[in-house]
Amino acid sequence: MTNNVQVLEAYKVVPVIQISSLDQVRPLAEQLITNDLPVAEITLRTKPSLTSLEVIAKEFPEILLIAGTVLNNQQAHSASNAGASMIVSPGFNPQTIRFCLDNGLDIIPGAMTPGEMEQALDFGLKTIKFFPAEAAGGTKMLKAVSAPYKELRFMPTGGIHPANVNDYLALSSVVCCGGSWMVDPKLMAGNDWPEVGRLIRHARTLTSNNSN
């Protein structure tokens, strides 16, 4: 997982994307590449999600392709077959984690309690998704748990936006943040790709000076 995590750390922000139509996939991928954020977490919440993964994997191999909202083994397997190089789950499902580890598939599972964090360490995982970040205590919670769990690093997601993203990135335990503000489903549904591109550029500019 080291190489993928290094990519995430370099770009600092992960677009969390909900695709409602396959027509959105190519223009979105082009905006991500053109505006120097070649990372995409495609959430498995919609019918086109798996096909979207296949299109990006085939046509835009320079994008680090992540499958998000993965809830079980079957979804992890399908996402991997579709071309995802990393799995992100909202919660901590030991069966899904074991499946990914046994099949050489990178996974960042969701966790928000010390008990789940200790389980992650038992699995040999060093990077976890802190979700839902703001609802679970935000930066104060992360500062608190980072003291006893110094080996863990976090990808906070949930309630992250331009006004607080750098508060998270300032923490040495934070690898990157997941956010959807730059890939607003309404903008994509309206084919407002210039605005999507502007928001992606702004996200890169906003976070580029934060080296935590």
C-alpha atoms as a PDB file:
ATOM      1  CA  MET A   1       0.000   0.000   0.000  1.00  0.00           C
ATOM      2  CA  THR A   2       2.995   2.277   0.472  1.00  0.00           C
ATOM      3  CA  ASN A   3       3.075   3.657  -3.064  1.00  0.00           C
ATOM      4  CA  ASN A   4      -0.644   4.433  -3.162  1.00  0.00           C
ATOM      5  CA  VAL A   5      -0.534   6.137   0.224  1.00  0.00           C
ATOM      6  CA  GLN A   6       2.413   8.207  -0.945  1.00  0.00           C
ATOM      7  CA  VAL A   7       0.336   9.367  -3.897  1.00  0.00           C
ATOM      8  CA  LEU A   8      -2.510  10.316  -1.575  1.00  0.00           C
ATOM      9  CA  GLU A   9      -0.131  12.191   0.676  1.00  0.00           C
ATOM     10  CA  ALA A  10       1.311  14.077  -2.267  1.00  0.00           C
ATOM     11  CA  TYR A  11      -2.080  15.295  -3.494  1.00  0.00           C
ATOM     12  CA  LYS A  12      -3.524  15.796   0.018  1.00  0.00           C
ATOM     13  CA  VAL A  13      -7.169  15.729  -1.045  1.00  0.00           C
ATOM     14  CA  VAL A  14      -9.202  12.837  -2.475  1.00  0.00           C
ATOM     15  CA  PRO A  15     -12.288  13.686  -4.534  1.00  0.00           C
ATOM     16  CA  VAL A  16     -15.143  11.508  -3.283  1.00  0.00           C
ATOM     17  CA  ILE A  17     -17.299  11.084  -6.357  1.00  0.00           C
ATOM     18  CA  GLN A  18     -20.882   9.950  -6.831  1.00  0.00           C
ATOM     19  CA  ILE A  19     -21.511   9.160 -10.495  1.00  0.00           C
ATOM     20  CA  SER A  20     -25.143   9.356 -11.578  1.00  0.00           C
ATOM     21  CA  SER A  21     -24.579   8.859 -15.314  1.00  0.00           C
ATOM     22  CA  LEU A  22     -21.854   7.290 -17.418  1.00  0.00           C
ATOM     23  CA  ASP A  23     -21.835  10.477 -19.487  1.00  0.00           C
ATOM     24  CA  GLN A  24     -20.104  12.151 -16.528  1.00  0.00           C
ATOM     25  CA  VAL A  25     -17.132   9.795 -16.358  1.00  0.00           C
ATOM     26  CA  ARG A  26     -14.910  10.977 -19.179  1.00  0.00           C
ATOM     27  CA  PRO A  27     -15.318  14.744 -18.702  1.00  0.00           C
ATOM     28  CA  LEU A  28     -14.751  14.318 -14.977  1.00  0.00           C
ATOM     29  CA  ALA A  29     -11.604  12.265 -15.507  1.00  0.00           C
ATOM     30  CA  GLU A  30     -10.327  14.871 -17.945  1.00  0.00           C
ATOM     31  CA  GLN A  31     -10.902  17.656 -15.402  1.00  0.00           C
ATOM     32  CA  LEU A  32      -9.051  15.714 -12.709  1.00  0.00           C
ATOM     33  CA  ILE A  33      -6.055  15.173 -14.972  1.00  0.00           C
ATOM     34  CA  THR A  34      -6.015  18.654 -16.500  1.00  0.00           C
ATOM     35  CA  ASN A  35      -6.178  20.310 -13.092  1.00  0.00           C
ATOM     36  CA  ASP A  36      -3.482  18.157 -11.469  1.00  0.00           C
ATOM     37  CA  LEU A  37      -5.600  16.014  -9.168  1.00  0.00           C
ATOM     38  CA  PRO A  38      -5.439  12.541 -10.762  1.00  0.00           C
ATOM     39  CA  VAL A  39      -7.141  10.762  -7.869  1.00  0.00           C
ATOM     40  CA  ALA A  40     -10.725   9.499  -7.875  1.00  0.00           C
ATOM     41  CA  GLU A  41     -12.694   7.703  -5.190  1.00  0.00           C
ATOM     42  CA  ILE A  42     -15.773   6.409  -6.989  1.00  0.00           C
ATOM     43  CA  THR A  43     -18.394   5.509  -4.410  1.00  0.00           C
ATOM     44  CA  LEU A  44     -20.362   2.321  -4.991  1.00  0.00           C
ATOM     45  CA  ARG A  45     -23.642   4.053  -4.234  1.00  0.00           C
ATOM     46  CA  THR A  46     -25.014   4.251  -7.768  1.00  0.00           C
ATOM     47  CA  LYS A  47     -25.719   1.834 -10.600  1.00  0.00           C
ATOM     48  CA  PRO A  48     -23.047   3.241 -12.964  1.00  0.00           C
ATOM     49  CA  SER A  49     -20.276   3.041 -10.351  1.00  0.00           C
ATOM     50  CA  LEU A  50     -18.648  -0.254 -11.387  1.00  0.00           C
ATOM     51  CA  THR A  51     -18.796   0.580 -15.077  1.00  0.00           C
ATOM     52  CA  SER A  52     -17.343   3.997 -14.228  1.00  0.00           C
ATOM     53  CA  LEU A  53     -14.395   2.260 -12.601  1.00  0.00           C
ATOM     54  CA  GLU A  54     -13.895   0.158 -15.724  1.00  0.00           C
ATOM     55  CA  VAL A  55     -13.923   3.210 -18.018  1.00  0.00           C
ATOM     56  CA  ILE A  56     -11.423   5.150 -15.917  1.00  0.00           C
ATOM     57  CA  ALA A  57      -9.143   2.143 -15.462  1.00  0.00           C
ATOM     58  CA  LYS A  58      -9.078   1.515 -19.203  1.00  0.00           C
ATOM     59  CA  GLU A  59      -9.003   5.050 -20.597  1.00  0.00           C
ATOM     60  CA  PHE A  60      -7.323   7.068 -17.829  1.00  0.00           C
ATOM     61  CA  PRO A  61      -4.700   4.793 -16.246  1.00  0.00           C
ATOM     62  CA  GLU A  62      -2.818   7.796 -14.834  1.00  0.00           C
ATOM     63  CA  ILE A  63      -5.600   8.295 -12.285  1.00  0.00           C
ATOM     64  CA  LEU A  64      -5.225   6.576  -8.909  1.00  0.00           C
ATOM     65  CA  LEU A  65      -8.533   4.743  -8.923  1.00  0.00           C
ATOM     66  CA  ILE A  66     -10.228   4.044  -5.607  1.00  0.00           C
ATOM     67  CA  ALA A  67     -13.528   2.282  -4.942  1.00  0.00           C
ATOM     68  CA  GLY A  68     -15.363   3.882  -2.033  1.00  0.00           C
ATOM     69  CA  THR A  69     -18.355   2.897   0.107  1.00  0.00           C
ATOM     70  CA  VAL A  70     -17.312  -0.748  -0.146  1.00  0.00           C
ATOM     71  CA  LEU A  71     -19.429  -2.667   2.352  1.00  0.00           C
ATOM     72  CA  ASN A  72     -18.518  -6.332   1.839  1.00  0.00           C
ATOM     73  CA  ASN A  73     -16.282  -8.912   0.144  1.00  0.00           C
ATOM     74  CA  GLN A  74     -18.428  -9.110  -2.956  1.00  0.00           C
ATOM     75  CA  GLN A  75     -18.201  -5.391  -3.608  1.00  0.00           C
ATOM     76  CA  ALA A  76     -14.451  -5.403  -3.002  1.00  0.00           C
ATOM     77  CA  HIS A  77     -14.056  -8.261  -5.482  1.00  0.00           C
ATOM     78  CA  SER A  78     -16.217  -6.532  -8.093  1.00  0.00           C
ATOM     79  CA  ALA A  79     -14.384  -3.234  -7.655  1.00  0.00           C
ATOM     80  CA  SER A  80     -11.025  -4.930  -8.032  1.00  0.00           C
ATOM     81  CA  ASN A  81     -12.177  -6.695 -11.198  1.00  0.00           C
ATOM     82  CA  ALA A  82     -13.381  -3.334 -12.524  1.00  0.00           C
ATOM     83  CA  GLY A  83      -9.909  -1.864 -12.113  1.00  0.00           C
ATOM     84  CA  ALA A  84      -9.816  -0.208  -8.705  1.00  0.00           C
ATOM     85  CA  SER A  85      -6.343  -0.242  -7.168  1.00  0.00           C
ATOM     86  CA  MET A  86      -7.549   0.613  -3.678  1.00  0.00           C
ATOM     87  CA  ILE A  87     -10.620  -0.046  -1.541  1.00  0.00           C
ATOM     88  CA  VAL A  88     -12.075   2.429   0.955  1.00  0.00           C
ATOM     89  CA  SER A  89     -14.865   1.402   3.312  1.00  0.00           C
ATOM     90  CA  PRO A  90     -17.020   3.591   5.566  1.00  0.00           C
ATOM     91  CA  GLY A  91     -16.806   1.133   8.449  1.00  0.00           C
ATOM     92  CA  PHE A  92     -14.556  -1.530   9.909  1.00  0.00           C
ATOM     93  CA  ASN A  93     -15.572  -4.909   8.511  1.00  0.00           C
ATOM     94  CA  PRO A  94     -12.981  -7.583   9.419  1.00  0.00           C
ATOM     95  CA  GLN A  95     -14.208  -9.925   6.680  1.00  0.00           C
ATOM     96  CA  THR A  96     -13.751  -7.295   3.980  1.00  0.00           C
ATOM     97  CA  ILE A  97     -10.334  -6.367   5.339  1.00  0.00           C
ATOM     98  CA  ARG A  98      -9.191  -9.983   5.418  1.00  0.00           C
ATOM     99  CA  PHE A  99     -10.443 -10.544   1.866  1.00  0.00           C
ATOM    100  CA  CYS A 100      -8.482  -7.532   0.609  1.00  0.00           C
ATOM    101  CA  LEU A 101      -5.313  -8.495   2.446  1.00  0.00           C
ATOM    102  CA  ASP A 102      -5.526 -12.102   1.269  1.00  0.00           C
ATOM    103  CA  ASN A 103      -5.922 -10.931  -2.332  1.00  0.00           C
ATOM    104  CA  GLY A 104      -3.221  -8.260  -2.328  1.00  0.00           C
ATOM    105  CA  LEU A 105      -5.738  -5.438  -2.566  1.00  0.00           C
ATOM    106  CA  ASP A 106      -5.000  -2.171  -0.760  1.00  0.00           C
ATOM    107  CA  ILE A 107      -7.685  -1.146   1.711  1.00  0.00           C
ATOM    108  CA  ILE A 108      -8.276   1.879   3.910  1.00  0.00           C
ATOM    109  CA  PRO A 109     -11.104   0.875   6.256  1.00  0.00           C
ATOM    110  CA  GLY A 110     -13.256   3.335   8.142  1.00  0.00           C
ATOM    111  CA  ALA A 111     -12.742   3.634  11.889  1.00  0.00           C
ATOM    112  CA  MET A 112     -13.741   6.145  14.543  1.00  0.00           C
ATOM    113  CA  THR A 113     -13.192   4.393  17.870  1.00  0.00           C
ATOM    114  CA  PRO A 114     -10.027   3.314  19.701  1.00  0.00           C
ATOM    115  CA  GLY A 115     -11.231  -0.290  19.575  1.00  0.00           C
ATOM    116  CA  GLU A 116     -11.446  -0.222  15.781  1.00  0.00           C
ATOM    117  CA  MET A 117      -8.058   1.469  15.584  1.00  0.00           C
ATOM    118  CA  GLU A 118      -6.490  -1.302  17.657  1.00  0.00           C
ATOM    119  CA  GLN A 119      -8.073  -3.894  15.378  1.00  0.00           C
ATOM    120  CA  ALA A 120      -6.567  -2.091  12.391  1.00  0.00           C
ATOM    121  CA  LEU A 121      -3.136  -2.369  13.973  1.00  0.00           C
ATOM    122  CA  ASP A 122      -3.725  -6.091  14.603  1.00  0.00           C
ATOM    123  CA  PHE A 123      -4.370  -6.475  10.865  1.00  0.00           C
ATOM    124  CA  GLY A 124      -1.101  -4.724  10.149  1.00  0.00           C
ATOM    125  CA  LEU A 125      -2.852  -1.663   8.723  1.00  0.00           C
ATOM    126  CA  LYS A 126      -1.232   1.719   9.208  1.00  0.00           C
ATOM    127  CA  THR A 127      -3.666   3.981   7.324  1.00  0.00           C
ATOM    128  CA  ILE A 128      -7.367   4.216   8.120  1.00  0.00           C
ATOM    129  CA  LYS A 129     -10.284   6.392   7.128  1.00  0.00           C
ATOM    130  CA  PHE A 130     -11.534   8.557  10.007  1.00  0.00           C
ATOM    131  CA  PHE A 131     -15.250   8.721   9.279  1.00  0.00           C
ATOM    132  CA  PRO A 132     -17.480  10.609   9.803  1.00  0.00           C
ATOM    133  CA  ALA A 133     -14.725  13.078  10.659  1.00  0.00           C
ATOM    134  CA  GLU A 134     -16.596  16.163  11.802  1.00  0.00           C
ATOM    135  CA  ALA A 135     -19.412  14.253  13.511  1.00  0.00           C
ATOM    136  CA  ALA A 136     -16.873  12.035  15.305  1.00  0.00           C
ATOM    137  CA  GLY A 137     -15.029  14.920  16.934  1.00  0.00           C
ATOM    138  CA  GLY A 138     -12.970  16.411  14.131  1.00  0.00           C
ATOM    139  CA  THR A 139      -9.407  17.529  14.683  1.00  0.00           C
ATOM    140  CA  LYS A 140      -9.757  17.378  18.487  1.00  0.00           C
ATOM    141  CA  MET A 141     -10.582  13.682  18.319  1.00  0.00           C
ATOM    142  CA  LEU A 142      -7.730  13.020  15.899  1.00  0.00           C
ATOM    143  CA  LYS A 143      -5.239  14.822  18.123  1.00  0.00           C
ATOM    144  CA  ALA A 144      -6.396  12.749  21.084  1.00  0.00           C
ATOM    145  CA  VAL A 145      -6.182   9.329  19.405  1.00  0.00           C
ATOM    146  CA  SER A 146      -2.931  10.125  17.617  1.00  0.00           C
ATOM    147  CA  ALA A 147      -1.128  10.190  20.958  1.00  0.00           C
ATOM    148  CA  PRO A 148      -1.584   6.500  21.907  1.00  0.00           C
ATOM    149  CA  TYR A 149      -1.773   5.259  18.314  1.00  0.00           C
ATOM    150  CA  LYS A 150       1.361   6.852  16.921  1.00  0.00           C
ATOM    151  CA  GLU A 151       1.708   4.208  14.204  1.00  0.00           C
ATOM    152  CA  LEU A 152      -1.641   5.064  12.630  1.00  0.00           C
ATOM    153  CA  ARG A 153      -2.221   7.663   9.967  1.00  0.00           C
ATOM    154  CA  PHE A 154      -5.624   8.934   8.938  1.00  0.00           C
ATOM    155  CA  MET A 155      -7.721   9.960   5.947  1.00  0.00           C
ATOM    156  CA  PRO A 156     -10.493  12.088   7.477  1.00  0.00           C
ATOM    157  CA  THR A 157     -13.702  12.126   5.426  1.00  0.00           C
ATOM    158  CA  GLY A 158     -17.134  13.478   6.220  1.00  0.00           C
ATOM    159  CA  GLY A 159     -17.838  17.159   6.674  1.00  0.00           C
ATOM    160  CA  ILE A 160     -14.550  18.244   5.093  1.00  0.00           C
ATOM    161  CA  HIS A 161     -14.751  21.488   3.113  1.00  0.00           C
ATOM    162  CA  PRO A 162     -12.479  24.370   2.039  1.00  0.00           C
ATOM    163  CA  ALA A 163     -12.796  26.152   5.387  1.00  0.00           C
ATOM    164  CA  ASN A 164     -11.539  23.229   7.501  1.00  0.00           C
ATOM    165  CA  VAL A 165      -9.466  20.993   5.214  1.00  0.00           C
ATOM    166  CA  ASN A 166      -6.165  22.622   6.176  1.00  0.00           C
ATOM    167  CA  ASP A 167      -6.981  22.257   9.876  1.00  0.00           C
ATOM    168  CA  TYR A 168      -6.913  18.497   9.303  1.00  0.00           C
ATOM    169  CA  LEU A 169      -3.898  18.542   6.997  1.00  0.00           C
ATOM    170  CA  ALA A 170      -1.921  20.473   9.604  1.00  0.00           C
ATOM    171  CA  LEU A 171      -1.948  17.349  11.793  1.00  0.00           C
ATOM    172  CA  SER A 172       1.095  15.144  11.251  1.00  0.00           C
ATOM    173  CA  SER A 173      -1.077  12.031  11.586  1.00  0.00           C
ATOM    174  CA  VAL A 174      -3.225  13.011   8.584  1.00  0.00           C
ATOM    175  CA  VAL A 175      -2.218  11.632   5.184  1.00  0.00           C
ATOM    176  CA  CYS A 176      -4.940  13.334   3.164  1.00  0.00           C
ATOM    177  CA  CYS A 177      -8.590  14.334   3.358  1.00  0.00           C
ATOM    178  CA  GLY A 178     -11.567  13.004   1.441  1.00  0.00           C
ATOM    179  CA  GLY A 179     -14.029  15.578   0.170  1.00  0.00           C
ATOM    180  CA  SER A 180     -16.793  16.017  -2.362  1.00  0.00           C
ATOM    181  CA  TRP A 181     -17.113  19.794  -2.624  1.00  0.00           C
ATOM    182  CA  MET A 182     -15.017  19.970  -5.808  1.00  0.00           C
ATOM    183  CA  VAL A 183     -17.089  17.242  -7.500  1.00  0.00           C
ATOM    184  CA  ASP A 184     -20.554  18.463  -6.517  1.00  0.00           C
ATOM    185  CA  PRO A 185     -23.135  16.041  -7.993  1.00  0.00           C
ATOM    186  CA  LYS A 186     -25.344  18.983  -9.022  1.00  0.00           C
ATOM    187  CA  LEU A 187     -22.526  20.548 -11.050  1.00  0.00           C
ATOM    188  CA  MET A 188     -21.774  17.246 -12.743  1.00  0.00           C
ATOM    189  CA  ALA A 189     -25.447  16.593 -13.469  1.00  0.00           C
ATOM    190  CA  GLY A 190     -25.632  20.044 -15.049  1.00  0.00           C
ATOM    191  CA  ASN A 191     -22.468  19.439 -17.101  1.00  0.00           C
ATOM    192  CA  ASP A 192     -20.838  22.490 -15.551  1.00  0.00           C
ATOM    193  CA  TRP A 193     -17.345  21.131 -16.134  1.00  0.00           C
ATOM    194  CA  PRO A 194     -15.643  24.559 -16.136  1.00  0.00           C
ATOM    195  CA  GLU A 195     -16.845  25.086 -12.564  1.00  0.00           C
ATOM    196  CA  VAL A 196     -15.817  21.573 -11.555  1.00  0.00           C
ATOM    197  CA  GLY A 197     -12.392  22.297 -12.996  1.00  0.00           C
ATOM    198  CA  ARG A 198     -12.183  25.599 -11.129  1.00  0.00           C
ATOM    199  CA  LEU A 199     -13.064  23.910  -7.838  1.00  0.00           C
ATOM    200  CA  ILE A 200     -10.469  21.196  -8.426  1.00  0.00           C
ATOM    201  CA  ARG A 201      -7.805  23.828  -9.136  1.00  0.00           C
ATOM    202  CA  HIS A 202      -8.851  25.721  -6.026  1.00  0.00           C
ATOM    203  CA  ALA A 203      -8.624  22.568  -3.919  1.00  0.00           C
ATOM    204  CA  ARG A 204      -5.096  21.965  -5.182  1.00  0.00           C
ATOM    205  CA  THR A 205      -4.069  25.567  -4.547  1.00  0.00           C
ATOM    206  CA  LEU A 206      -5.712  25.582  -1.139  1.00  0.00           C
ATOM    207  CA  THR A 207      -3.866  22.518   0.096  1.00  0.00           C
ATOM    208  CA  SER A 208      -0.596  22.681  -1.836  1.00  0.00           C
ATOM    209  CA  ASN A 209       1.226  24.758   0.772  1.00  0.00           C
ATOM    210  CA  ASN A 210       0.273  22.459   3.646  1.00  0.00           C
ATOM    211  CA  SER A 211       3.131  20.044   4.265  1.00  0.00           C
ATOM    212  CA  ASN A 212       1.977  19.148   7.814  1.00  0.00           C
END
